[in-house]
Amino acid sequence: MTEKTTSWFSLGFEKVAAGLNVAATAWIFVMIMLVVLDVGGRILLKAPLTGTPEIIKISIPAITFLQIGYVLMIEAHIRSEVILGRVSARKAALLNILSSVMGLGVFAMNFYAGWDLTVVAWAVGEYEGEGALRVPTAPIRTIIQIGSVIMMIQFTRMICKYARQLSKSPQR
């Protein structure tokens, strides 16, 4: 890939990851309003907002997978520097490559394991919840798949970044 193509892809990817993060943040705001209306309805009107627990329950994984790629991209995940701070730049790059390859593997397995379930959820119209409100699961499963792809792309970008660092660090 040329430098221009790479920067175009990186810019587009970063905009997509940031956009998913914004969507998740807006979703969190909507959930807050639902909870406030539900609690207010319970206390003031003795009538809770129907389906709030089901909506909140199914929203949590979706919000997580909408934001997780962006958090990794800005390197805001919790991380221990105990080992990396004690090794050479070359060994640190190797360890970072190793951890990124493992992360890529985990999200590739997550994507693979969830693909058939997502297809089936769309095909049969799978729902979560009973009674007053049934929430479709297919959109949530799709968001998890998209989040997994975003993570795989970001881990691949990180592997490339650490490989460049590895090639620039002096050998011992």
N, C-alpha and C. Protein backbone atom coordinates (compact mmCIF):
# COMPACT_ATOMS: atom_id res chain seq x y z
N MET A 1 0.84 -1.18 0.00
CA MET A 1 0.00 0.00 0.00
C MET A 1 0.88 1.24 0.00
N THR A 2 0.45 2.22 -0.73
CA THR A 2 1.24 3.46 -0.76
C THR A 2 0.96 4.28 0.48
N GLU A 3 1.83 5.25 0.70
CA GLU A 3 1.68 6.14 1.87
C GLU A 3 0.36 6.90 1.81
N LYS A 4 -0.02 7.37 0.61
CA LYS A 4 -1.27 8.13 0.45
C LYS A 4 -2.49 7.27 0.76
N THR A 5 -2.49 6.02 0.26
CA THR A 5 -3.60 5.09 0.52
C THR A 5 -3.69 4.77 2.01
N THR A 6 -2.53 4.55 2.62
CA THR A 6 -2.50 4.23 4.04
C THR A 6 -3.06 5.38 4.87
N SER A 7 -2.66 6.61 4.56
CA SER A 7 -3.16 7.75 5.34
C SER A 7 -4.65 7.96 5.09
N TRP A 8 -5.11 7.73 3.86
CA TRP A 8 -6.54 7.85 3.56
C TRP A 8 -7.33 6.82 4.36
N PHE A 9 -6.83 5.58 4.38
CA PHE A 9 -7.50 4.52 5.13
C PHE A 9 -7.49 4.84 6.62
N SER A 10 -6.34 5.27 7.14
CA SER A 10 -6.23 5.58 8.57
C SER A 10 -7.19 6.69 8.96
N LEU A 11 -7.25 7.73 8.16
CA LEU A 11 -8.15 8.85 8.47
C LEU A 11 -9.60 8.38 8.45
N GLY A 12 -9.97 7.59 7.45
CA GLY A 12 -11.34 7.08 7.38
C GLY A 12 -11.66 6.17 8.55
N PHE A 13 -10.72 5.29 8.88
CA PHE A 13 -10.92 4.38 10.00
C PHE A 13 -11.09 5.16 11.29
N GLU A 14 -10.24 6.14 11.52
CA GLU A 14 -10.33 6.93 12.75
C GLU A 14 -11.64 7.68 12.84
N LYS A 15 -12.15 8.17 11.71
CA LYS A 15 -13.45 8.85 11.71
C LYS A 15 -14.58 7.88 12.02
N VAL A 16 -14.50 6.67 11.49
CA VAL A 16 -15.53 5.66 11.77
C VAL A 16 -15.51 5.30 13.25
N ALA A 17 -14.31 5.04 13.79
CA ALA A 17 -14.19 4.67 15.21
C ALA A 17 -14.70 5.80 16.10
N ALA A 18 -14.36 7.03 15.77
CA ALA A 18 -14.83 8.17 16.56
C ALA A 18 -16.34 8.33 16.43
N GLY A 19 -16.87 8.10 15.23
CA GLY A 19 -18.32 8.19 15.02
C GLY A 19 -19.09 7.15 15.83
N LEU A 20 -18.55 5.93 15.88
CA LEU A 20 -19.18 4.88 16.70
C LEU A 20 -19.14 5.26 18.17
N ASN A 21 -18.05 5.88 18.59
CA ASN A 21 -17.94 6.34 19.98
C ASN A 21 -18.99 7.40 20.29
N VAL A 22 -19.18 8.32 19.37
CA VAL A 22 -20.20 9.37 19.55
C VAL A 22 -21.59 8.74 19.62
N ALA A 23 -21.86 7.77 18.74
CA ALA A 23 -23.16 7.09 18.76
C ALA A 23 -23.39 6.40 20.11
N ALA A 24 -22.35 5.76 20.62
CA ALA A 24 -22.47 5.09 21.92
C ALA A 24 -22.71 6.08 23.04
N THR A 25 -22.04 7.22 22.98
CA THR A 25 -22.23 8.25 24.00
C THR A 25 -23.67 8.77 23.97
N ALA A 26 -24.19 8.99 22.77
CA ALA A 26 -25.59 9.43 22.65
C ALA A 26 -26.53 8.36 23.19
N TRP A 27 -26.21 7.11 22.92
CA TRP A 27 -27.01 5.99 23.41
C TRP A 27 -27.01 5.96 24.94
N ILE A 28 -25.87 6.24 25.54
CA ILE A 28 -25.79 6.30 27.00
C ILE A 28 -26.71 7.39 27.53
N PHE A 29 -26.72 8.54 26.87
CA PHE A 29 -27.59 9.64 27.28
C PHE A 29 -29.06 9.21 27.21
N VAL A 30 -29.43 8.53 26.14
CA VAL A 30 -30.81 8.05 26.00
C VAL A 30 -31.14 7.05 27.12
N MET A 31 -30.19 6.17 27.44
CA MET A 31 -30.42 5.22 28.53
C MET A 31 -30.61 5.94 29.86
N ILE A 32 -29.84 6.98 30.10
CA ILE A 32 -29.99 7.76 31.33
C ILE A 32 -31.40 8.34 31.40
N MET A 33 -31.87 8.89 30.30
CA MET A 33 -33.21 9.46 30.27
C MET A 33 -34.27 8.39 30.51
N LEU A 34 -34.07 7.20 29.93
CA LEU A 34 -35.02 6.11 30.16
C LEU A 34 -35.09 5.72 31.63
N VAL A 35 -33.93 5.63 32.27
CA VAL A 35 -33.90 5.26 33.69
C VAL A 35 -34.56 6.34 34.53
N VAL A 36 -34.28 7.60 34.21
CA VAL A 36 -34.90 8.71 34.96
C VAL A 36 -36.41 8.66 34.81
N LEU A 37 -36.89 8.44 33.58
CA LEU A 37 -38.34 8.35 33.35
C LEU A 37 -38.93 7.14 34.06
N ASP A 38 -38.21 6.03 34.03
CA ASP A 38 -38.70 4.82 34.70
C ASP A 38 -38.80 5.03 36.20
N VAL A 39 -37.74 5.54 36.81
CA VAL A 39 -37.75 5.77 38.26
C VAL A 39 -38.77 6.84 38.63
N GLY A 40 -38.81 7.92 37.86
CA GLY A 40 -39.79 8.97 38.11
C GLY A 40 -41.21 8.45 38.00
N GLY A 41 -41.45 7.61 36.98
CA GLY A 41 -42.78 7.03 36.81
C GLY A 41 -43.14 6.11 37.97
N ARG A 42 -42.18 5.37 38.45
CA ARG A 42 -42.44 4.47 39.59
C ARG A 42 -42.79 5.26 40.85
N ILE A 43 -42.02 6.32 41.09
CA ILE A 43 -42.20 7.08 42.33
C ILE A 43 -43.41 8.01 42.26
N LEU A 44 -43.51 8.78 41.19
CA LEU A 44 -44.55 9.81 41.11
C LEU A 44 -45.90 9.29 40.62
N LEU A 45 -45.88 8.39 39.65
CA LEU A 45 -47.13 7.96 39.03
C LEU A 45 -47.50 6.50 39.33
N LYS A 46 -46.62 5.83 40.06
CA LYS A 46 -46.81 4.40 40.35
C LYS A 46 -46.93 3.59 39.05
N ALA A 47 -46.29 4.08 37.99
CA ALA A 47 -46.33 3.41 36.69
C ALA A 47 -44.94 3.49 36.04
N PRO A 48 -44.16 2.42 36.13
CA PRO A 48 -42.83 2.44 35.52
C PRO A 48 -42.90 2.47 33.99
N LEU A 49 -41.83 2.86 33.37
CA LEU A 49 -41.73 2.87 31.91
C LEU A 49 -41.52 1.43 31.44
N THR A 50 -42.45 0.92 30.70
CA THR A 50 -42.43 -0.47 30.27
C THR A 50 -41.19 -0.77 29.43
N GLY A 51 -40.50 -1.86 29.77
CA GLY A 51 -39.39 -2.35 28.96
C GLY A 51 -38.03 -1.76 29.27
N THR A 52 -37.96 -0.84 30.22
CA THR A 52 -36.68 -0.21 30.52
C THR A 52 -35.60 -1.24 30.89
N PRO A 53 -35.87 -2.20 31.78
CA PRO A 53 -34.81 -3.16 32.11
C PRO A 53 -34.33 -3.95 30.88
N GLU A 54 -35.23 -4.33 30.00
CA GLU A 54 -34.85 -5.08 28.80
C GLU A 54 -33.97 -4.24 27.88
N ILE A 55 -34.36 -2.97 27.70
CA ILE A 55 -33.59 -2.08 26.83
C ILE A 55 -32.19 -1.85 27.41
N ILE A 56 -32.10 -1.61 28.71
CA ILE A 56 -30.80 -1.38 29.35
C ILE A 56 -29.94 -2.64 29.24
N LYS A 57 -30.54 -3.79 29.52
CA LYS A 57 -29.80 -5.05 29.49
C LYS A 57 -29.16 -5.30 28.13
N ILE A 58 -29.91 -5.06 27.07
CA ILE A 58 -29.40 -5.36 25.73
C ILE A 58 -28.50 -4.23 25.20
N SER A 59 -28.61 -3.05 25.78
CA SER A 59 -27.81 -1.91 25.33
C SER A 59 -26.36 -1.97 25.79
N ILE A 60 -26.12 -2.57 26.93
CA ILE A 60 -24.77 -2.55 27.51
C ILE A 60 -23.73 -3.19 26.59
N PRO A 61 -23.96 -4.40 26.05
CA PRO A 61 -22.95 -4.94 25.14
C PRO A 61 -22.79 -4.11 23.87
N ALA A 62 -23.89 -3.56 23.37
CA ALA A 62 -23.82 -2.75 22.16
C ALA A 62 -22.96 -1.50 22.39
N ILE A 63 -23.18 -0.83 23.49
CA ILE A 63 -22.41 0.37 23.81
C ILE A 63 -20.94 0.02 23.98
N THR A 64 -20.67 -1.09 24.65
CA THR A 64 -19.29 -1.53 24.84
C THR A 64 -18.60 -1.73 23.51
N PHE A 65 -19.24 -2.44 22.59
CA PHE A 65 -18.60 -2.73 21.31
C PHE A 65 -18.58 -1.53 20.37
N LEU A 66 -19.44 -0.56 20.58
CA LEU A 66 -19.34 0.67 19.80
C LEU A 66 -18.14 1.51 20.24
N GLN A 67 -17.79 1.46 21.52
CA GLN A 67 -16.73 2.31 22.04
C GLN A 67 -15.36 1.64 22.13
N ILE A 68 -15.31 0.34 22.17
CA ILE A 68 -14.06 -0.35 22.48
C ILE A 68 -12.95 -0.08 21.45
N GLY A 69 -13.29 -0.01 20.18
CA GLY A 69 -12.29 0.26 19.15
C GLY A 69 -11.68 1.65 19.28
N TYR A 70 -12.52 2.62 19.60
CA TYR A 70 -12.03 3.99 19.78
C TYR A 70 -11.11 4.06 21.00
N VAL A 71 -11.50 3.40 22.06
CA VAL A 71 -10.68 3.41 23.28
C VAL A 71 -9.31 2.79 23.01
N LEU A 72 -9.28 1.71 22.24
CA LEU A 72 -7.99 1.11 21.88
C LEU A 72 -7.20 2.04 20.97
N MET A 73 -7.88 2.69 20.04
CA MET A 73 -7.20 3.59 19.10
C MET A 73 -6.51 4.74 19.83
N ILE A 74 -7.16 5.29 20.85
CA ILE A 74 -6.53 6.41 21.58
C ILE A 74 -5.67 5.92 22.73
N GLU A 75 -5.50 4.60 22.80
CA GLU A 75 -4.66 3.95 23.81
C GLU A 75 -5.08 4.30 25.24
N ALA A 76 -6.37 4.21 25.49
CA ALA A 76 -6.91 4.56 26.81
C ALA A 76 -7.31 3.33 27.64
N HIS A 77 -7.02 2.14 27.13
CA HIS A 77 -7.29 0.94 27.94
C HIS A 77 -6.34 0.90 29.12
N ILE A 78 -6.77 0.27 30.18
CA ILE A 78 -5.91 0.08 31.34
C ILE A 78 -4.78 -0.85 30.91
N ARG A 79 -3.57 -0.46 31.30
CA ARG A 79 -2.40 -1.21 30.86
C ARG A 79 -1.32 -1.11 31.92
N SER A 80 -0.66 -2.20 32.18
CA SER A 80 0.44 -2.20 33.14
C SER A 80 1.76 -2.03 32.41
N GLU A 81 2.54 -1.10 32.86
CA GLU A 81 3.83 -0.82 32.23
C GLU A 81 4.99 -1.42 33.02
N VAL A 82 4.70 -2.29 33.98
CA VAL A 82 5.74 -2.83 34.85
C VAL A 82 6.83 -3.52 34.04
N ILE A 83 6.44 -4.41 33.13
CA ILE A 83 7.43 -5.14 32.34
C ILE A 83 8.02 -4.24 31.25
N LEU A 84 7.16 -3.51 30.54
CA LEU A 84 7.64 -2.69 29.43
C LEU A 84 8.62 -1.61 29.90
N GLY A 85 8.45 -1.12 31.10
CA GLY A 85 9.35 -0.10 31.62
C GLY A 85 10.73 -0.62 31.98
N ARG A 86 10.89 -1.94 32.04
CA ARG A 86 12.16 -2.54 32.46
C ARG A 86 12.93 -3.21 31.33
N VAL A 87 12.39 -3.16 30.13
CA VAL A 87 13.07 -3.82 29.01
C VAL A 87 13.48 -2.78 27.97
N SER A 88 14.32 -3.20 27.05
CA SER A 88 14.77 -2.31 25.98
C SER A 88 13.61 -1.96 25.06
N ALA A 89 13.82 -0.94 24.26
CA ALA A 89 12.79 -0.51 23.30
C ALA A 89 12.47 -1.64 22.33
N ARG A 90 13.46 -2.39 21.93
CA ARG A 90 13.26 -3.51 21.01
C ARG A 90 12.38 -4.60 21.65
N LYS A 91 12.69 -4.97 22.88
CA LYS A 91 11.89 -5.99 23.57
C LYS A 91 10.48 -5.48 23.85
N ALA A 92 10.36 -4.20 24.17
CA ALA A 92 9.03 -3.62 24.40
C ALA A 92 8.20 -3.69 23.12
N ALA A 93 8.82 -3.39 21.99
CA ALA A 93 8.11 -3.47 20.71
C ALA A 93 7.68 -4.91 20.43
N LEU A 94 8.57 -5.87 20.71
CA LEU A 94 8.23 -7.28 20.52
C LEU A 94 7.07 -7.70 21.41
N LEU A 95 7.10 -7.28 22.68
CA LEU A 95 6.00 -7.61 23.59
C LEU A 95 4.69 -6.96 23.14
N ASN A 96 4.77 -5.73 22.65
CA ASN A 96 3.58 -5.04 22.15
C ASN A 96 3.02 -5.74 20.92
N ILE A 97 3.92 -6.22 20.05
CA ILE A 97 3.47 -6.97 18.88
C ILE A 97 2.78 -8.25 19.33
N LEU A 98 3.39 -8.95 20.28
CA LEU A 98 2.82 -10.19 20.79
C LEU A 98 1.42 -9.95 21.39
N SER A 99 1.29 -8.92 22.22
CA SER A 99 -0.01 -8.65 22.84
C SER A 99 -1.04 -8.23 21.79
N SER A 100 -0.60 -7.49 20.77
CA SER A 100 -1.52 -7.08 19.70
C SER A 100 -1.96 -8.28 18.87
N VAL A 101 -1.04 -9.21 18.61
CA VAL A 101 -1.40 -10.42 17.87
C VAL A 101 -2.42 -11.23 18.67
N MET A 102 -2.20 -11.33 19.99
CA MET A 102 -3.17 -12.06 20.83
C MET A 102 -4.52 -11.35 20.82
N GLY A 103 -4.53 -10.03 20.92
CA GLY A 103 -5.79 -9.28 20.86
C GLY A 103 -6.49 -9.48 19.53
N LEU A 104 -5.73 -9.44 18.45
CA LEU A 104 -6.29 -9.69 17.12
C LEU A 104 -6.92 -11.07 17.06
N GLY A 105 -6.23 -12.05 17.64
CA GLY A 105 -6.76 -13.42 17.67
C GLY A 105 -8.05 -13.52 18.46
N VAL A 106 -8.09 -12.88 19.61
CA VAL A 106 -9.30 -12.93 20.45
C VAL A 106 -10.51 -12.35 19.71
N PHE A 107 -10.32 -11.20 19.07
CA PHE A 107 -11.46 -10.58 18.39
C PHE A 107 -11.79 -11.27 17.08
N ALA A 108 -10.81 -11.93 16.45
CA ALA A 108 -11.11 -12.75 15.28
C ALA A 108 -11.96 -13.95 15.69
N MET A 109 -11.61 -14.57 16.83
CA MET A 109 -12.42 -15.69 17.33
C MET A 109 -13.82 -15.21 17.73
N ASN A 110 -13.90 -14.03 18.33
CA ASN A 110 -15.20 -13.48 18.71
C ASN A 110 -16.07 -13.25 17.47
N PHE A 111 -15.45 -12.71 16.43
CA PHE A 111 -16.18 -12.47 15.18
C PHE A 111 -16.65 -13.80 14.58
N TYR A 112 -15.73 -14.75 14.52
CA TYR A 112 -16.06 -16.06 13.95
C TYR A 112 -17.18 -16.75 14.74
N ALA A 113 -17.07 -16.73 16.07
CA ALA A 113 -18.05 -17.39 16.91
C ALA A 113 -19.42 -16.71 16.83
N GLY A 114 -19.46 -15.42 16.62
CA GLY A 114 -20.72 -14.70 16.59
C GLY A 114 -21.38 -14.59 15.24
N TRP A 115 -20.64 -14.92 14.17
CA TRP A 115 -21.18 -14.72 12.82
C TRP A 115 -22.46 -15.52 12.59
N ASP A 116 -22.42 -16.82 12.84
CA ASP A 116 -23.61 -17.66 12.61
C ASP A 116 -24.78 -17.23 13.49
N LEU A 117 -24.49 -16.87 14.73
CA LEU A 117 -25.55 -16.42 15.63
C LEU A 117 -26.20 -15.13 15.12
N THR A 118 -25.39 -14.25 14.54
CA THR A 118 -25.92 -12.99 13.99
C THR A 118 -26.80 -13.26 12.78
N VAL A 119 -26.33 -14.12 11.90
CA VAL A 119 -27.11 -14.46 10.70
C VAL A 119 -28.44 -15.10 11.10
N VAL A 120 -28.40 -16.02 12.05
CA VAL A 120 -29.63 -16.68 12.51
C VAL A 120 -30.57 -15.67 13.17
N ALA A 121 -30.00 -14.76 13.98
CA ALA A 121 -30.84 -13.75 14.65
C ALA A 121 -31.60 -12.91 13.64
N TRP A 122 -30.95 -12.53 12.54
CA TRP A 122 -31.64 -11.77 11.48
C TRP A 122 -32.67 -12.65 10.77
N ALA A 123 -32.31 -13.90 10.52
CA ALA A 123 -33.20 -14.80 9.76
C ALA A 123 -34.48 -15.13 10.51
N VAL A 124 -34.38 -15.37 11.81
CA VAL A 124 -35.56 -15.81 12.56
C VAL A 124 -36.22 -14.68 13.34
N GLY A 125 -35.63 -13.50 13.33
CA GLY A 125 -36.21 -12.38 14.09
C GLY A 125 -36.11 -12.60 15.59
N GLU A 126 -34.94 -13.00 16.05
CA GLU A 126 -34.72 -13.29 17.47
C GLU A 126 -35.00 -12.05 18.34
N TYR A 127 -35.64 -12.28 19.48
CA TYR A 127 -35.97 -11.21 20.42
C TYR A 127 -35.50 -11.55 21.81
N GLU A 128 -35.27 -10.53 22.61
CA GLU A 128 -34.91 -10.67 24.03
C GLU A 128 -36.07 -10.07 24.82
N GLY A 129 -36.46 -10.74 25.89
CA GLY A 129 -37.52 -10.23 26.74
C GLY A 129 -38.84 -10.94 26.49
N GLU A 130 -39.66 -10.86 27.49
CA GLU A 130 -40.98 -11.50 27.43
C GLU A 130 -42.03 -10.47 27.81
N GLY A 131 -43.22 -10.69 27.38
CA GLY A 131 -44.33 -9.87 27.84
C GLY A 131 -44.45 -8.54 27.11
N ALA A 132 -44.42 -7.46 27.88
CA ALA A 132 -44.76 -6.14 27.36
C ALA A 132 -43.81 -5.63 26.28
N LEU A 133 -42.52 -5.95 26.39
CA LEU A 133 -41.58 -5.44 25.41
C LEU A 133 -40.59 -6.52 25.02
N ARG A 134 -40.50 -6.77 23.74
CA ARG A 134 -39.52 -7.70 23.21
C ARG A 134 -38.57 -6.91 22.33
N VAL A 135 -37.28 -7.00 22.65
CA VAL A 135 -36.26 -6.22 21.95
C VAL A 135 -35.53 -7.13 20.96
N PRO A 136 -35.44 -6.71 19.69
CA PRO A 136 -34.73 -7.54 18.71
C PRO A 136 -33.23 -7.60 19.03
N THR A 137 -32.65 -8.80 18.91
CA THR A 137 -31.24 -8.98 19.23
C THR A 137 -30.32 -8.84 18.02
N ALA A 138 -30.87 -8.99 16.82
CA ALA A 138 -30.04 -8.96 15.62
C ALA A 138 -29.23 -7.66 15.48
N PRO A 139 -29.81 -6.48 15.70
CA PRO A 139 -28.99 -5.27 15.60
C PRO A 139 -27.84 -5.25 16.62
N ILE A 140 -28.10 -5.75 17.81
CA ILE A 140 -27.06 -5.77 18.84
C ILE A 140 -25.96 -6.75 18.44
N ARG A 141 -26.35 -7.91 17.96
CA ARG A 141 -25.36 -8.89 17.50
C ARG A 141 -24.52 -8.31 16.35
N THR A 142 -25.16 -7.55 15.47
CA THR A 142 -24.45 -6.93 14.36
C THR A 142 -23.45 -5.89 14.87
N ILE A 143 -23.84 -5.11 15.86
CA ILE A 143 -22.93 -4.13 16.45
C ILE A 143 -21.73 -4.83 17.08
N ILE A 144 -21.94 -5.96 17.71
CA ILE A 144 -20.83 -6.71 18.29
C ILE A 144 -19.88 -7.19 17.18
N GLN A 145 -20.44 -7.62 16.07
CA GLN A 145 -19.60 -8.04 14.94
C GLN A 145 -18.80 -6.85 14.38
N ILE A 146 -19.46 -5.71 14.23
CA ILE A 146 -18.78 -4.52 13.73
C ILE A 146 -17.68 -4.09 14.70
N GLY A 147 -17.99 -4.10 15.99
CA GLY A 147 -16.98 -3.75 17.00
C GLY A 147 -15.79 -4.69 16.95
N SER A 148 -16.04 -5.97 16.71
CA SER A 148 -14.95 -6.93 16.60
C SER A 148 -14.08 -6.64 15.38
N VAL A 149 -14.68 -6.27 14.27
CA VAL A 149 -13.92 -5.92 13.07
C VAL A 149 -13.09 -4.66 13.33
N ILE A 150 -13.68 -3.67 13.97
CA ILE A 150 -12.94 -2.44 14.30
C ILE A 150 -11.73 -2.78 15.17
N MET A 151 -11.92 -3.66 16.15
CA MET A 151 -10.81 -4.06 17.01
C MET A 151 -9.74 -4.80 16.22
N MET A 152 -10.14 -5.67 15.30
CA MET A 152 -9.15 -6.39 14.49
C MET A 152 -8.34 -5.42 13.63
N ILE A 153 -9.02 -4.44 13.05
CA ILE A 153 -8.31 -3.44 12.25
C ILE A 153 -7.34 -2.65 13.12
N GLN A 154 -7.80 -2.22 14.29
CA GLN A 154 -6.94 -1.43 15.17
C GLN A 154 -5.76 -2.24 15.67
N PHE A 155 -5.96 -3.50 16.02
CA PHE A 155 -4.83 -4.34 16.44
C PHE A 155 -3.84 -4.52 15.28
N THR A 156 -4.34 -4.64 14.06
CA THR A 156 -3.46 -4.74 12.90
C THR A 156 -2.65 -3.45 12.73
N ARG A 157 -3.30 -2.32 12.90
CA ARG A 157 -2.60 -1.03 12.83
C ARG A 157 -1.52 -0.95 13.91
N MET A 158 -1.84 -1.45 15.09
CA MET A 158 -0.87 -1.41 16.19
C MET A 158 0.31 -2.34 15.90
N ILE A 159 0.04 -3.49 15.32
CA ILE A 159 1.13 -4.41 14.95
C ILE A 159 2.07 -3.72 13.97
N CYS A 160 1.50 -3.03 12.99
CA CYS A 160 2.33 -2.29 12.01
C CYS A 160 3.14 -1.19 12.70
N LYS A 161 2.51 -0.47 13.61
CA LYS A 161 3.19 0.60 14.34
C LYS A 161 4.36 0.05 15.15
N TYR A 162 4.11 -1.03 15.89
CA TYR A 162 5.17 -1.61 16.71
C TYR A 162 6.25 -2.26 15.85
N ALA A 163 5.88 -2.79 14.68
CA ALA A 163 6.87 -3.36 13.76
C ALA A 163 7.80 -2.25 13.24
N ARG A 164 7.23 -1.07 12.96
CA ARG A 164 8.07 0.07 12.55
C ARG A 164 9.01 0.47 13.68
N GLN A 165 8.49 0.49 14.93
CA GLN A 165 9.34 0.79 16.07
C GLN A 165 10.45 -0.24 16.22
N LEU A 166 10.10 -1.49 15.99
CA LEU A 166 11.07 -2.58 16.08
C LEU A 166 12.18 -2.41 15.06
N SER A 167 11.81 -2.02 13.85
CA SER A 167 12.81 -1.87 12.79
C SER A 167 13.73 -0.66 13.05
N LYS A 168 13.25 0.33 13.80
CA LYS A 168 14.05 1.52 14.09
C LYS A 168 14.90 1.37 15.34
N SER A 169 14.55 0.42 16.22
CA SER A 169 15.29 0.29 17.47
C SER A 169 16.59 -0.48 17.24
N PRO A 170 17.65 -0.08 17.92
CA PRO A 170 18.95 -0.74 17.73
C PRO A 170 18.93 -2.16 18.29
N GLN A 171 19.62 -3.05 17.61
CA GLN A 171 19.71 -4.43 18.08
C GLN A 171 20.79 -4.54 19.14
N ARG A 172 20.59 -5.43 20.08
CA ARG A 172 21.60 -5.64 21.13
C ARG A 172 22.14 -7.02 21.04
